[in-house]
Protein backbone atom coordinates (compact mmCIF):
# COMPACT_ATOMS: atom_id res chain seq x y z
CA MET A 1 0.00 0.00 0.00
CA SER A 2 1.50 3.32 -0.98
CA THR A 3 1.41 6.42 1.14
CA PRO A 4 -0.57 9.31 -0.33
CA VAL A 5 1.53 12.13 -1.69
CA THR A 6 0.89 15.53 -0.20
CA ARG A 7 0.82 18.78 -2.07
CA ALA A 8 1.81 21.93 -0.27
CA THR A 9 -0.71 24.70 -0.49
CA PRO A 10 0.68 27.84 -2.17
CA SER A 11 0.10 30.04 0.83
CA THR A 12 2.26 31.69 3.42
CA SER A 13 0.08 30.39 6.23
CA SER A 14 0.84 27.19 8.03
CA ALA A 15 -2.19 25.42 6.53
CA PRO A 16 -1.84 21.64 6.37
CA ALA A 17 -0.93 20.03 3.07
CA THR A 18 -3.77 18.51 1.02
CA PRO A 19 -3.42 14.73 0.60
CA VAL A 20 -3.33 13.62 -3.03
CA ALA A 21 -4.24 10.04 -3.84
CA PRO A 22 -1.69 8.17 -5.95
CA PHE A 23 -2.78 7.58 -9.53
CA ASN A 24 -3.53 3.91 -10.03
CA GLY A 25 -6.23 1.57 -11.25
CA GLN A 26 -8.04 1.62 -7.94
CA VAL A 27 -8.43 5.41 -8.00
CA VAL A 28 -9.63 5.29 -11.61
CA GLY A 29 -12.04 2.47 -10.80
CA LEU A 30 -13.46 4.19 -7.74
CA ALA A 31 -14.08 7.37 -9.72
CA HIS A 32 -15.74 5.37 -12.51
CA TYR A 33 -17.99 3.39 -10.16
CA ALA A 34 -19.03 6.47 -8.20
CA SER A 35 -20.04 8.40 -11.31
CA ARG A 36 -21.63 5.31 -12.88
CA ALA A 37 -23.70 4.76 -9.72
CA ALA A 38 -25.03 8.31 -10.03
CA LEU A 39 -26.03 7.62 -13.64
CA GLU A 40 -27.52 4.22 -12.75
CA ARG A 41 -29.99 5.95 -10.41
CA VAL A 42 -31.26 7.85 -13.46
CA LEU A 43 -31.32 4.69 -15.56
CA ALA A 44 -33.25 2.74 -12.93
CA ARG A 45 -36.17 5.18 -13.20
CA SER A 46 -36.66 4.10 -16.81
CA GLY A 47 -35.84 0.44 -16.28
CA THR A 48 -32.74 0.80 -18.43
CA THR A 49 -29.45 -0.96 -17.73
CA PHE A 50 -26.08 0.68 -18.17
CA GLU A 51 -25.35 -1.67 -21.09
CA GLN A 52 -28.63 -0.66 -22.74
CA SER A 53 -27.77 3.03 -22.34
CA VAL A 54 -24.45 2.42 -24.11
CA ALA A 55 -26.26 0.59 -26.92
CA LEU A 56 -28.75 3.46 -27.26
CA ARG A 57 -25.83 5.89 -27.60
CA ALA A 58 -24.25 3.71 -30.28
CA ALA A 59 -27.54 3.46 -32.17
CA ALA A 60 -28.03 7.23 -31.89
CA SER A 61 -24.70 7.80 -33.63
CA GLY A 62 -26.51 7.37 -36.94
CA ASP A 63 -27.84 10.95 -36.65
CA GLY A 64 -31.40 9.79 -37.04
CA GLY A 65 -30.54 7.19 -39.63
CA ALA A 66 -29.86 3.51 -39.30
CA VAL A 67 -26.53 2.12 -38.17
CA GLY A 68 -25.19 -1.36 -38.60
CA ARG A 69 -26.33 -3.77 -35.91
CA SER A 70 -22.78 -5.11 -35.90
CA ARG A 71 -21.51 -1.60 -35.15
CA VAL A 72 -23.73 -1.37 -32.06
CA VAL A 73 -22.76 -4.88 -30.93
CA GLY A 74 -19.07 -4.17 -31.61
CA GLY A 75 -19.27 -0.94 -29.63
CA LEU A 76 -20.63 -2.85 -26.65
CA VAL A 77 -18.01 -5.60 -26.94
CA ASP A 78 -15.12 -3.17 -27.34
CA GLY A 79 -16.33 -0.47 -24.98
CA LEU A 80 -17.67 -2.56 -22.12
CA LYS A 81 -15.44 -5.61 -22.60
CA ILE A 82 -18.43 -7.96 -22.68
CA ASP A 83 -18.83 -10.97 -24.92
CA GLU A 84 -20.74 -10.85 -28.18
CA ALA A 85 -23.63 -12.95 -26.85
CA ALA A 86 -24.23 -10.43 -24.02
CA ALA A 87 -24.05 -7.55 -26.49
CA LEU A 88 -26.56 -9.23 -28.82
CA ARG A 89 -28.91 -9.83 -25.86
CA THR A 90 -28.69 -6.15 -24.96
CA VAL A 91 -29.65 -5.08 -28.49
CA ASP A 92 -32.49 -7.63 -28.52
CA GLU A 93 -33.76 -6.30 -25.16
CA LEU A 94 -33.95 -2.79 -26.59
CA ALA A 95 -35.83 -4.06 -29.63
CA ALA A 96 -38.25 -6.00 -27.40
CA ARG A 97 -38.92 -2.80 -25.42
CA GLY A 98 -39.72 -0.96 -28.66
CA LEU A 99 -36.69 1.33 -28.37
CA LEU A 100 -34.82 -0.04 -31.41
CA GLU A 101 -36.16 -1.24 -34.72
CA GLU A 102 -34.60 -2.93 -37.72
CA PRO A 103 -35.57 -0.97 -40.86
CA ALA A 104 -33.42 -3.24 -43.03
CA PRO A 105 -31.56 -6.48 -42.40
CA GLY A 106 -28.48 -5.83 -40.27
CA GLN A 107 -29.46 -2.21 -39.57
CA VAL A 108 -30.93 -0.69 -36.41
CA THR A 109 -32.36 2.70 -35.61
CA LEU A 110 -33.88 4.31 -32.57
CA THR A 111 -37.66 4.44 -32.46
CA SER A 112 -39.31 7.67 -31.30
CA ALA A 113 -39.49 6.21 -27.80
CA GLY A 114 -35.85 5.14 -28.03
CA ARG A 115 -34.74 8.61 -29.13
CA GLU A 116 -36.75 10.23 -26.34
CA LEU A 117 -35.20 7.90 -23.75
CA PHE A 118 -31.70 8.43 -25.15
CA VAL A 119 -32.09 12.23 -25.01
CA SER A 120 -33.37 12.09 -21.43
CA ILE A 121 -30.45 9.87 -20.36
CA ARG A 122 -27.91 12.05 -22.18
CA THR A 123 -29.36 15.19 -20.61
CA ALA A 124 -29.33 13.70 -17.10
CA GLY A 125 -25.79 12.41 -17.63
CA ALA A 126 -24.62 15.85 -18.74
CA GLU A 127 -26.20 17.41 -15.66
CA ILE A 128 -24.45 14.90 -13.39
CA ALA A 129 -21.12 15.48 -15.15
CA SER A 130 -21.57 19.22 -14.82
CA ARG A 131 -21.90 18.90 -11.06
CA VAL A 132 -19.14 16.31 -10.69
CA TYR A 133 -16.58 18.23 -12.78
CA ALA A 134 -17.56 21.70 -11.50
CA GLY A 135 -14.57 23.77 -10.50
CA ILE A 136 -11.95 21.46 -11.99
CA PRO A 137 -9.73 23.52 -14.31
CA ALA A 138 -10.06 22.67 -18.01
CA GLU A 139 -6.30 22.09 -18.19
CA ASP A 140 -6.52 19.43 -15.47
CA LEU A 141 -9.44 17.72 -17.22
CA ALA A 142 -7.44 17.72 -20.48
CA VAL A 143 -4.47 16.06 -18.76
CA VAL A 144 -6.71 13.44 -17.16
CA GLY A 145 -8.34 12.77 -20.52
CA ARG A 146 -4.96 12.23 -22.20
CA VAL A 147 -3.69 10.00 -19.41
CA LEU A 148 -6.82 7.86 -19.31
CA ALA A 149 -6.82 7.49 -23.11
CA LEU A 150 -3.24 6.21 -22.90
CA VAL A 151 -4.11 3.86 -20.03
CA LYS A 152 -7.05 2.48 -22.02
CA GLU A 153 -4.87 2.02 -25.10
CA ARG A 154 -2.29 0.10 -23.10
CA ALA A 155 -4.89 -2.00 -21.29
CA ASP A 156 -6.49 -2.87 -24.66
CA ALA A 157 -3.04 -3.93 -25.90
CA GLU A 158 -2.66 -6.13 -22.80
CA LEU A 159 -6.02 -7.75 -23.52
CA ALA A 160 -5.12 -8.30 -27.15
CA GLY A 161 -1.83 -9.92 -26.15
CA ALA A 162 -3.44 -12.23 -23.58
């Protein structure tokens, strides 16, 4: 277990240093699970799972048009690291709820109800993010974004090599 690093406050007073957690997978995971739990409260009100919300986002990427079913399934597999059978079930669940339809073989699109649900989830998620990230300097958020993108890239390479 590592000892937290402390950062001196830039003041002339004798204020105590602010503890800074070390950057590691646990810190990243805890941040992810805390923010995901906040979103899952919103999702629960509509009976939507996190996986279904990700699939809705992937289906909405067609800008109102159809997208390939394989693209939605692939996005779930790659993004959530779930197997293809679970991803296919998720897409089928959305279709059974009348949130996705198949206008042509191998293509899916959001129904009106699906688009309405997606917009409400996206709006609630943006509101949560606004509160969670409030007051964090844009430069810090940019650094975190770059670091996490690199960590994801390396973790994906580890998975590919396994």
